[in-house]
Amino acid sequence: MARSTTKDAQDLFHSLRSAYAATPTNLKIIDLYVIFAVLTAIMQVAYMAIVGSFPFNSFLSGVLSCVGTAVLAVCLRIQVNKENKEFKDLPPERGL
């Protein structure tokens, strides 16, 4: 039973990796930016958990700005993606 789940997980990882290899470079750059924003928010939460949350409003502003930036970058990725049919009639420069 364990072999089939390991094989299924490897097949899933391989299929996701091969599908992502066909992704255009500009979308990969946006993906890296989203990952950076999320990791920055996680680091801020970890810092708050270790050190403390004395200036709590500073913590909130830092984490929420990272999350908001990630959300806006995902919206940009949706608009710039050429395979998305909803924004087919709009030029990709509109998202920028």
PDB file of N, CA and C in Angstrom:
ATOM      1  N   MET A   1       0.811  -1.188   0.000  1.00  0.00           N
ATOM      2  CA  MET A   1       0.000   0.000   0.000  1.00  0.00           C
ATOM      3  C   MET A   1       0.863   1.265   0.000  1.00  0.00           C
ATOM      4  N   ALA A   2       1.979   1.222   0.717  1.00  0.00           N
ATOM      5  CA  ALA A   2       2.855   2.389   0.784  1.00  0.00           C
ATOM      6  C   ALA A   2       3.543   2.639  -0.552  1.00  0.00           C
ATOM      7  N   ARG A   3       3.802   1.597  -1.303  1.00  0.00           N
ATOM      8  CA  ARG A   3       4.469   1.782  -2.586  1.00  0.00           C
ATOM      9  C   ARG A   3       3.561   2.499  -3.581  1.00  0.00           C
ATOM     10  N   SER A   4       2.283   2.175  -3.568  1.00  0.00           N
ATOM     11  CA  SER A   4       1.382   2.820  -4.521  1.00  0.00           C
ATOM     12  C   SER A   4       1.218   4.307  -4.202  1.00  0.00           C
ATOM     13  N   THR A   5       1.163   4.675  -2.931  1.00  0.00           N
ATOM     14  CA  THR A   5       1.034   6.093  -2.605  1.00  0.00           C
ATOM     15  C   THR A   5       2.317   6.843  -2.933  1.00  0.00           C
ATOM     16  N   THR A   6       3.470   6.209  -2.735  1.00  0.00           N
ATOM     17  CA  THR A   6       4.732   6.844  -3.097  1.00  0.00           C
ATOM     18  C   THR A   6       4.821   7.013  -4.609  1.00  0.00           C
ATOM     19  N   LYS A   7       4.415   6.009  -5.339  1.00  0.00           N
ATOM     20  CA  LYS A   7       4.426   6.078  -6.798  1.00  0.00           C
ATOM     21  C   LYS A   7       3.450   7.130  -7.298  1.00  0.00           C
ATOM     22  N   ASP A   8       2.269   7.205  -6.674  1.00  0.00           N
ATOM     23  CA  ASP A   8       1.289   8.218  -7.061  1.00  0.00           C
ATOM     24  C   ASP A   8       1.808   9.621  -6.780  1.00  0.00           C
ATOM     25  N   ALA A   9       2.469   9.793  -5.652  1.00  0.00           N
ATOM     26  CA  ALA A   9       3.026  11.097  -5.314  1.00  0.00           C
ATOM     27  C   ALA A   9       4.132  11.488  -6.286  1.00  0.00           C
ATOM     28  N   GLN A  10       4.965  10.536  -6.672  1.00  0.00           N
ATOM     29  CA  GLN A  10       6.021  10.821  -7.642  1.00  0.00           C
ATOM     30  C   GLN A  10       5.429  11.153  -9.003  1.00  0.00           C
ATOM     31  N   ASP A  11       4.394  10.446  -9.405  1.00  0.00           N
ATOM     32  CA  ASP A  11       3.742  10.741 -10.683  1.00  0.00           C
ATOM     33  C   ASP A  11       3.097  12.117 -10.675  1.00  0.00           C
ATOM     34  N   LEU A  12       2.459  12.454  -9.566  1.00  0.00           N
ATOM     35  CA  LEU A  12       1.839  13.767  -9.448  1.00  0.00           C
ATOM     36  C   LEU A  12       2.898  14.866  -9.502  1.00  0.00           C
ATOM     37  N   PHE A  13       3.997  14.694  -8.771  1.00  0.00           N
ATOM     38  CA  PHE A  13       5.070  15.685  -8.775  1.00  0.00           C
ATOM     39  C   PHE A  13       5.671  15.826 -10.165  1.00  0.00           C
ATOM     40  N   HIS A  14       5.864  14.713 -10.858  1.00  0.00           N
ATOM     41  CA  HIS A  14       6.431  14.759 -12.207  1.00  0.00           C
ATOM     42  C   HIS A  14       5.488  15.462 -13.183  1.00  0.00           C
ATOM     43  N   SER A  15       4.204  15.193 -13.086  1.00  0.00           N
ATOM     44  CA  SER A  15       3.255  15.830 -14.000  1.00  0.00           C
ATOM     45  C   SER A  15       3.150  17.331 -13.729  1.00  0.00           C
ATOM     46  N   LEU A  16       3.178  17.733 -12.452  1.00  0.00           N
ATOM     47  CA  LEU A  16       3.145  19.156 -12.132  1.00  0.00           C
ATOM     48  C   LEU A  16       4.414  19.864 -12.607  1.00  0.00           C
ATOM     49  N   ARG A  17       5.537  19.192 -12.443  1.00  0.00           N
ATOM     50  CA  ARG A  17       6.803  19.789 -12.875  1.00  0.00           C
ATOM     51  C   ARG A  17       6.863  19.938 -14.389  1.00  0.00           C
ATOM     52  N   SER A  18       6.393  18.934 -15.123  1.00  0.00           N
ATOM     53  CA  SER A  18       6.413  19.032 -16.582  1.00  0.00           C
ATOM     54  C   SER A  18       5.409  20.071 -17.078  1.00  0.00           C
ATOM     55  N   ALA A  19       4.282  20.214 -16.395  1.00  0.00           N
ATOM     56  CA  ALA A  19       3.310  21.235 -16.796  1.00  0.00           C
ATOM     57  C   ALA A  19       3.845  22.632 -16.496  1.00  0.00           C
ATOM     58  N   TYR A  20       4.560  22.791 -15.390  1.00  0.00           N
ATOM     59  CA  TYR A  20       5.105  24.097 -15.041  1.00  0.00           C
ATOM     60  C   TYR A  20       6.274  24.477 -15.932  1.00  0.00           C
ATOM     61  N   ALA A  21       6.930  23.501 -16.516  1.00  0.00           N
ATOM     62  CA  ALA A  21       8.046  23.800 -17.420  1.00  0.00           C
ATOM     63  C   ALA A  21       7.563  24.537 -18.660  1.00  0.00           C
ATOM     64  N   ALA A  22       6.294  24.345 -19.026  1.00  0.00           N
ATOM     65  CA  ALA A  22       5.739  25.016 -20.197  1.00  0.00           C
ATOM     66  C   ALA A  22       5.211  26.415 -19.881  1.00  0.00           C
ATOM     67  N   THR A  23       5.303  26.840 -18.632  1.00  0.00           N
ATOM     68  CA  THR A  23       4.822  28.159 -18.231  1.00  0.00           C
ATOM     69  C   THR A  23       5.767  29.236 -18.751  1.00  0.00           C
ATOM     70  N   PRO A  24       5.212  30.336 -19.292  1.00  0.00           N
ATOM     71  CA  PRO A  24       6.078  31.422 -19.790  1.00  0.00           C
ATOM     72  C   PRO A  24       6.923  32.036 -18.669  1.00  0.00           C
ATOM     73  N   THR A  25       8.010  32.656 -19.063  1.00  0.00           N
ATOM     74  CA  THR A  25       8.972  33.211 -18.110  1.00  0.00           C
ATOM     75  C   THR A  25       8.379  34.347 -17.287  1.00  0.00           C
ATOM     76  N   ASN A  26       7.559  35.195 -17.895  1.00  0.00           N
ATOM     77  CA  ASN A  26       7.007  36.313 -17.131  1.00  0.00           C
ATOM     78  C   ASN A  26       6.079  35.826 -16.016  1.00  0.00           C
ATOM     79  N   LEU A  27       5.383  34.719 -16.228  1.00  0.00           N
ATOM     80  CA  LEU A  27       4.542  34.164 -15.168  1.00  0.00           C
ATOM     81  C   LEU A  27       5.385  33.525 -14.071  1.00  0.00           C
ATOM     82  N   LYS A  28       6.518  32.954 -14.448  1.00  0.00           N
ATOM     83  CA  LYS A  28       7.415  32.378 -13.445  1.00  0.00           C
ATOM     84  C   LYS A  28       8.011  33.468 -12.555  1.00  0.00           C
ATOM     85  N   ILE A  29       8.304  34.622 -13.132  1.00  0.00           N
ATOM     86  CA  ILE A  29       8.831  35.741 -12.350  1.00  0.00           C
ATOM     87  C   ILE A  29       7.782  36.231 -11.356  1.00  0.00           C
ATOM     88  N   ILE A  30       6.532  36.312 -11.797  1.00  0.00           N
ATOM     89  CA  ILE A  30       5.456  36.709 -10.886  1.00  0.00           C
ATOM     90  C   ILE A  30       5.285  35.666  -9.784  1.00  0.00           C
ATOM     91  N   ASP A  31       5.414  34.387 -10.142  1.00  0.00           N
ATOM     92  CA  ASP A  31       5.328  33.324  -9.136  1.00  0.00           C
ATOM     93  C   ASP A  31       6.423  33.459  -8.084  1.00  0.00           C
ATOM     94  N   LEU A  32       7.635  33.782  -8.518  1.00  0.00           N
ATOM     95  CA  LEU A  32       8.737  33.984  -7.570  1.00  0.00           C
ATOM     96  C   LEU A  32       8.454  35.147  -6.631  1.00  0.00           C
ATOM     97  N   TYR A  33       7.856  36.205  -7.169  1.00  0.00           N
ATOM     98  CA  TYR A  33       7.518  37.355  -6.333  1.00  0.00           C
ATOM     99  C   TYR A  33       6.452  36.993  -5.307  1.00  0.00           C
ATOM    100  N   VAL A  34       5.464  36.195  -5.707  1.00  0.00           N
ATOM    101  CA  VAL A  34       4.421  35.756  -4.775  1.00  0.00           C
ATOM    102  C   VAL A  34       5.042  34.900  -3.672  1.00  0.00           C
ATOM    103  N   ILE A  35       5.937  33.995  -4.047  1.00  0.00           N
ATOM    104  CA  ILE A  35       6.608  33.148  -3.056  1.00  0.00           C
ATOM    105  C   ILE A  35       7.433  34.012  -2.093  1.00  0.00           C
ATOM    106  N   PHE A  36       8.118  35.020  -2.629  1.00  0.00           N
ATOM    107  CA  PHE A  36       8.895  35.923  -1.781  1.00  0.00           C
ATOM    108  C   PHE A  36       8.002  36.655  -0.791  1.00  0.00           C
ATOM    109  N   ALA A  37       6.860  37.149  -1.238  1.00  0.00           N
ATOM    110  CA  ALA A  37       5.956  37.886  -0.352  1.00  0.00           C
ATOM    111  C   ALA A  37       5.398  36.978   0.738  1.00  0.00           C
ATOM    112  N   VAL A  38       5.037  35.759   0.378  1.00  0.00           N
ATOM    113  CA  VAL A  38       4.492  34.825   1.369  1.00  0.00           C
ATOM    114  C   VAL A  38       5.578  34.419   2.368  1.00  0.00           C
ATOM    115  N   LEU A  39       6.792  34.160   1.888  1.00  0.00           N
ATOM    116  CA  LEU A  39       7.879  33.800   2.802  1.00  0.00           C
ATOM    117  C   LEU A  39       8.232  34.951   3.742  1.00  0.00           C
ATOM    118  N   THR A  40       8.151  36.171   3.248  1.00  0.00           N
ATOM    119  CA  THR A  40       8.405  37.324   4.105  1.00  0.00           C
ATOM    120  C   THR A  40       7.357  37.414   5.209  1.00  0.00           C
ATOM    121  N   ALA A  41       6.099  37.168   4.873  1.00  0.00           N
ATOM    122  CA  ALA A  41       5.040  37.185   5.884  1.00  0.00           C
ATOM    123  C   ALA A  41       5.252  36.072   6.906  1.00  0.00           C
ATOM    124  N   ILE A  42       5.663  34.891   6.452  1.00  0.00           N
ATOM    125  CA  ILE A  42       5.918  33.779   7.367  1.00  0.00           C
ATOM    126  C   ILE A  42       7.083  34.100   8.293  1.00  0.00           C
ATOM    127  N   MET A  43       8.117  34.736   7.746  1.00  0.00           N
ATOM    128  CA  MET A  43       9.253  35.117   8.590  1.00  0.00           C
ATOM    129  C   MET A  43       8.846  36.139   9.642  1.00  0.00           C
ATOM    130  N   GLN A  44       7.976  37.058   9.291  1.00  0.00           N
ATOM    131  CA  GLN A  44       7.516  38.045  10.261  1.00  0.00           C
ATOM    132  C   GLN A  44       6.689  37.400  11.364  1.00  0.00           C
ATOM    133  N   VAL A  45       5.861  36.418  11.001  1.00  0.00           N
ATOM    134  CA  VAL A  45       5.066  35.712  12.010  1.00  0.00           C
ATOM    135  C   VAL A  45       5.987  34.901  12.924  1.00  0.00           C
ATOM    136  N   ALA A  46       6.992  34.260  12.347  1.00  0.00           N
ATOM    137  CA  ALA A  46       7.938  33.495  13.167  1.00  0.00           C
ATOM    138  C   ALA A  46       8.717  34.417  14.097  1.00  0.00           C
ATOM    139  N   TYR A  47       9.134  35.565  13.616  1.00  0.00           N
ATOM    140  CA  TYR A  47       9.846  36.528  14.452  1.00  0.00           C
ATOM    141  C   TYR A  47       8.963  36.997  15.601  1.00  0.00           C
ATOM    142  N   MET A  48       7.686  37.243  15.307  1.00  0.00           N
ATOM    143  CA  MET A  48       6.771  37.680  16.345  1.00  0.00           C
ATOM    144  C   MET A  48       6.571  36.583  17.386  1.00  0.00           C
ATOM    145  N   ALA A  49       6.530  35.335  16.931  1.00  0.00           N
ATOM    146  CA  ALA A  49       6.340  34.221  17.868  1.00  0.00           C
ATOM    147  C   ALA A  49       7.561  34.033  18.761  1.00  0.00           C
ATOM    148  N   ILE A  50       8.753  34.291  18.228  1.00  0.00           N
ATOM    149  CA  ILE A  50       9.984  34.096  19.005  1.00  0.00           C
ATOM    150  C   ILE A  50      10.267  35.291  19.917  1.00  0.00           C
ATOM    151  N   VAL A  51      10.232  36.483  19.367  1.00  0.00           N
ATOM    152  CA  VAL A  51      10.657  37.670  20.102  1.00  0.00           C
ATOM    153  C   VAL A  51       9.514  38.278  20.909  1.00  0.00           C
ATOM    154  N   GLY A  52       8.337  38.296  20.352  1.00  0.00           N
ATOM    155  CA  GLY A  52       7.193  38.918  21.016  1.00  0.00           C
ATOM    156  C   GLY A  52       6.545  39.936  20.104  1.00  0.00           C
ATOM    157  N   SER A  53       5.406  40.421  20.536  1.00  0.00           N
ATOM    158  CA  SER A  53       4.641  41.326  19.671  1.00  0.00           C
ATOM    159  C   SER A  53       4.407  42.665  20.361  1.00  0.00           C
ATOM    160  N   PHE A  54       5.486  43.284  20.838  1.00  0.00           N
ATOM    161  CA  PHE A  54       5.296  44.564  21.527  1.00  0.00           C
ATOM    162  C   PHE A  54       4.667  45.615  20.625  1.00  0.00           C
ATOM    163  N   PRO A  55       5.287  45.964  19.497  1.00  0.00           N
ATOM    164  CA  PRO A  55       4.556  46.898  18.617  1.00  0.00           C
ATOM    165  C   PRO A  55       3.647  46.091  17.679  1.00  0.00           C
ATOM    166  N   PHE A  56       2.477  45.688  18.191  1.00  0.00           N
ATOM    167  CA  PHE A  56       1.595  44.796  17.434  1.00  0.00           C
ATOM    168  C   PHE A  56       1.101  45.438  16.148  1.00  0.00           C
ATOM    169  N   ASN A  57       0.899  46.748  16.142  1.00  0.00           N
ATOM    170  CA  ASN A  57       0.437  47.400  14.923  1.00  0.00           C
ATOM    171  C   ASN A  57       1.508  47.348  13.831  1.00  0.00           C
ATOM    172  N   SER A  58       2.776  47.360  14.211  1.00  0.00           N
ATOM    173  CA  SER A  58       3.843  47.209  13.220  1.00  0.00           C
ATOM    174  C   SER A  58       3.848  45.807  12.634  1.00  0.00           C
ATOM    175  N   PHE A  59       3.620  44.824  13.489  1.00  0.00           N
ATOM    176  CA  PHE A  59       3.521  43.443  13.008  1.00  0.00           C
ATOM    177  C   PHE A  59       2.350  43.297  12.051  1.00  0.00           C
ATOM    178  N   LEU A  60       1.205  43.835  12.422  1.00  0.00           N
ATOM    179  CA  LEU A  60       0.032  43.736  11.551  1.00  0.00           C
ATOM    180  C   LEU A  60       0.261  44.415  10.208  1.00  0.00           C
ATOM    181  N   SER A  61       0.848  45.596  10.233  1.00  0.00           N
ATOM    182  CA  SER A  61       1.063  46.305   8.977  1.00  0.00           C
ATOM    183  C   SER A  61       2.053  45.559   8.084  1.00  0.00           C
ATOM    184  N   GLY A  62       3.086  44.966   8.669  1.00  0.00           N
ATOM    185  CA  GLY A  62       4.055  44.218   7.870  1.00  0.00           C
ATOM    186  C   GLY A  62       3.470  42.971   7.250  1.00  0.00           C
ATOM    187  N   VAL A  63       2.730  42.193   8.048  1.00  0.00           N
ATOM    188  CA  VAL A  63       2.159  40.946   7.537  1.00  0.00           C
ATOM    189  C   VAL A  63       1.052  41.235   6.525  1.00  0.00           C
ATOM    190  N   LEU A  64       0.184  42.186   6.834  1.00  0.00           N
ATOM    191  CA  LEU A  64      -0.918  42.474   5.909  1.00  0.00           C
ATOM    192  C   LEU A  64      -0.426  43.100   4.610  1.00  0.00           C
ATOM    193  N   SER A  65       0.653  43.861   4.659  1.00  0.00           N
ATOM    194  CA  SER A  65       1.186  44.401   3.406  1.00  0.00           C
ATOM    195  C   SER A  65       1.788  43.286   2.553  1.00  0.00           C
ATOM    196  N   CYS A  66       2.426  42.312   3.190  1.00  0.00           N
ATOM    197  CA  CYS A  66       2.957  41.167   2.432  1.00  0.00           C
ATOM    198  C   CYS A  66       1.833  40.343   1.812  1.00  0.00           C
ATOM    199  N   VAL A  67       0.780  40.098   2.585  1.00  0.00           N
ATOM    200  CA  VAL A  67      -0.353  39.324   2.066  1.00  0.00           C
ATOM    201  C   VAL A  67      -1.061  40.096   0.956  1.00  0.00           C
ATOM    202  N   GLY A  68      -1.249  41.388   1.147  1.00  0.00           N
ATOM    203  CA  GLY A  68      -1.889  42.204   0.112  1.00  0.00           C
ATOM    204  C   GLY A  68      -1.074  42.255  -1.165  1.00  0.00           C
ATOM    205  N   THR A  69       0.230  42.354  -1.032  1.00  0.00           N
ATOM    206  CA  THR A  69       1.100  42.349  -2.206  1.00  0.00           C
ATOM    207  C   THR A  69       1.010  41.018  -2.941  1.00  0.00           C
ATOM    208  N   ALA A  70       0.959  39.925  -2.188  1.00  0.00           N
ATOM    209  CA  ALA A  70       0.840  38.605  -2.818  1.00  0.00           C
ATOM    210  C   ALA A  70      -0.491  38.478  -3.548  1.00  0.00           C
ATOM    211  N   VAL A  71      -1.559  38.974  -2.964  1.00  0.00           N
ATOM    212  CA  VAL A  71      -2.876  38.903  -3.614  1.00  0.00           C
ATOM    213  C   VAL A  71      -2.885  39.726  -4.896  1.00  0.00           C
ATOM    214  N   LEU A  72      -2.323  40.920  -4.842  1.00  0.00           N
ATOM    215  CA  LEU A  72      -2.270  41.755  -6.051  1.00  0.00           C
ATOM    216  C   LEU A  72      -1.401  41.117  -7.132  1.00  0.00           C
ATOM    217  N   ALA A  73      -0.321  40.453  -6.739  1.00  0.00           N
ATOM    218  CA  ALA A  73       0.524  39.776  -7.716  1.00  0.00           C
ATOM    219  C   ALA A  73      -0.203  38.589  -8.342  1.00  0.00           C
ATOM    220  N   VAL A  74      -1.010  37.883  -7.567  1.00  0.00           N
ATOM    221  CA  VAL A  74      -1.799  36.785  -8.133  1.00  0.00           C
ATOM    222  C   VAL A  74      -2.819  37.327  -9.116  1.00  0.00           C
ATOM    223  N   CYS A  75      -3.436  38.464  -8.791  1.00  0.00           N
ATOM    224  CA  CYS A  75      -4.371  39.090  -9.729  1.00  0.00           C
ATOM    225  C   CYS A  75      -3.661  39.504 -11.015  1.00  0.00           C
ATOM    226  N   LEU A  76      -2.450  40.021 -10.886  1.00  0.00           N
ATOM    227  CA  LEU A  76      -1.659  40.366 -12.072  1.00  0.00           C
ATOM    228  C   LEU A  76      -1.350  39.124 -12.892  1.00  0.00           C
ATOM    229  N   ARG A  77      -1.022  38.030 -12.228  1.00  0.00           N
ATOM    230  CA  ARG A  77      -0.716  36.782 -12.933  1.00  0.00           C
ATOM    231  C   ARG A  77      -1.928  36.279 -13.696  1.00  0.00           C
ATOM    232  N   ILE A  78      -3.100  36.417 -13.108  1.00  0.00           N
ATOM    233  CA  ILE A  78      -4.327  35.980 -13.779  1.00  0.00           C
ATOM    234  C   ILE A  78      -4.572  36.816 -15.028  1.00  0.00           C
ATOM    235  N   GLN A  79      -4.332  38.125 -14.961  1.00  0.00           N
ATOM    236  CA  GLN A  79      -4.587  38.987 -16.110  1.00  0.00           C
ATOM    237  C   GLN A  79      -3.550  38.819 -17.211  1.00  0.00           C
ATOM    238  N   VAL A  80      -2.307  38.552 -16.844  1.00  0.00           N
ATOM    239  CA  VAL A  80      -1.237  38.454 -17.838  1.00  0.00           C
ATOM    240  C   VAL A  80      -1.218  37.082 -18.511  1.00  0.00           C
ATOM    241  N   ASN A  81      -1.781  36.070 -17.859  1.00  0.00           N
ATOM    242  CA  ASN A  81      -1.771  34.709 -18.401  1.00  0.00           C
ATOM    243  C   ASN A  81      -2.548  34.661 -19.714  1.00  0.00           C
ATOM    244  N   LYS A  82      -1.898  34.209 -20.774  1.00  0.00           N
ATOM    245  CA  LYS A  82      -2.528  34.171 -22.090  1.00  0.00           C
ATOM    246  C   LYS A  82      -3.535  33.038 -22.224  1.00  0.00           C
ATOM    247  N   GLU A  83      -3.433  32.019 -21.381  1.00  0.00           N
ATOM    248  CA  GLU A  83      -4.361  30.903 -21.445  1.00  0.00           C
ATOM    249  C   GLU A  83      -5.682  31.193 -20.738  1.00  0.00           C
ATOM    250  N   ASN A  84      -5.756  32.295 -20.019  1.00  0.00           N
ATOM    251  CA  ASN A  84      -6.986  32.665 -19.328  1.00  0.00           C
ATOM    252  C   ASN A  84      -7.968  33.242 -20.344  1.00  0.00           C
ATOM    253  N   LYS A  85      -9.143  32.658 -20.437  1.00  0.00           N
ATOM    254  CA  LYS A  85     -10.121  33.068 -21.445  1.00  0.00           C
ATOM    255  C   LYS A  85     -10.902  34.318 -21.038  1.00  0.00           C
ATOM    256  N   GLU A  86     -10.952  34.645 -19.743  1.00  0.00           N
ATOM    257  CA  GLU A  86     -11.731  35.799 -19.307  1.00  0.00           C
ATOM    258  C   GLU A  86     -11.114  37.123 -19.759  1.00  0.00           C
ATOM    259  N   PHE A  87      -9.819  37.186 -19.852  1.00  0.00           N
ATOM    260  CA  PHE A  87      -9.133  38.419 -20.239  1.00  0.00           C
ATOM    261  C   PHE A  87      -8.551  38.307 -21.645  1.00  0.00           C
ATOM    262  N   LYS A  88      -9.175  37.493 -22.477  1.00  0.00           N
ATOM    263  CA  LYS A  88      -8.656  37.252 -23.819  1.00  0.00           C
ATOM    264  C   LYS A  88      -8.718  38.505 -24.694  1.00  0.00           C
ATOM    265  N   ASP A  89      -9.786  39.298 -24.563  1.00  0.00           N
ATOM    266  CA  ASP A  89      -9.953  40.465 -25.413  1.00  0.00           C
ATOM    267  C   ASP A  89      -9.138  41.662 -24.944  1.00  0.00           C
ATOM    268  N   LEU A  90      -8.652  41.641 -23.734  1.00  0.00           N
ATOM    269  CA  LEU A  90      -7.914  42.770 -23.186  1.00  0.00           C
ATOM    270  C   LEU A  90      -6.419  42.607 -23.456  1.00  0.00           C
ATOM    271  N   PRO A  91      -5.726  43.699 -23.734  1.00  0.00           N
ATOM    272  CA  PRO A  91      -4.272  43.585 -23.949  1.00  0.00           C
ATOM    273  C   PRO A  91      -3.564  43.264 -22.622  1.00  0.00           C
ATOM    274  N   PRO A  92      -2.458  42.535 -22.669  1.00  0.00           N
ATOM    275  CA  PRO A  92      -1.751  42.196 -21.426  1.00  0.00           C
ATOM    276  C   PRO A  92      -1.137  43.410 -20.743  1.00  0.00           C
ATOM    277  N   GLU A  93      -0.933  44.508 -21.467  1.00  0.00           N
ATOM    278  CA  GLU A  93      -0.368  45.711 -20.862  1.00  0.00           C
ATOM    279  C   GLU A  93      -1.344  46.333 -19.877  1.00  0.00           C
ATOM    280  N   ARG A  94      -2.621  46.014 -19.998  1.00  0.00           N
ATOM    281  CA  ARG A  94      -3.612  46.571 -19.080  1.00  0.00           C
ATOM    282  C   ARG A  94      -3.346  46.113 -17.651  1.00  0.00           C
ATOM    283  N   GLY A  95      -2.889  44.901 -17.485  1.00  0.00           N
ATOM    284  CA  GLY A  95      -2.575  44.413 -16.146  1.00  0.00           C
ATOM    285  C   GLY A  95      -1.355  45.079 -15.545  1.00  0.00           C
ATOM    286  N   LEU A  96      -0.506  45.620 -16.383  1.00  0.00           N
ATOM    287  CA  LEU A  96       0.707  46.266 -15.897  1.00  0.00           C
ATOM    288  C   LEU A  96       0.447  47.738 -15.692  1.00  0.00           C
TER     289      LEU A  96
END
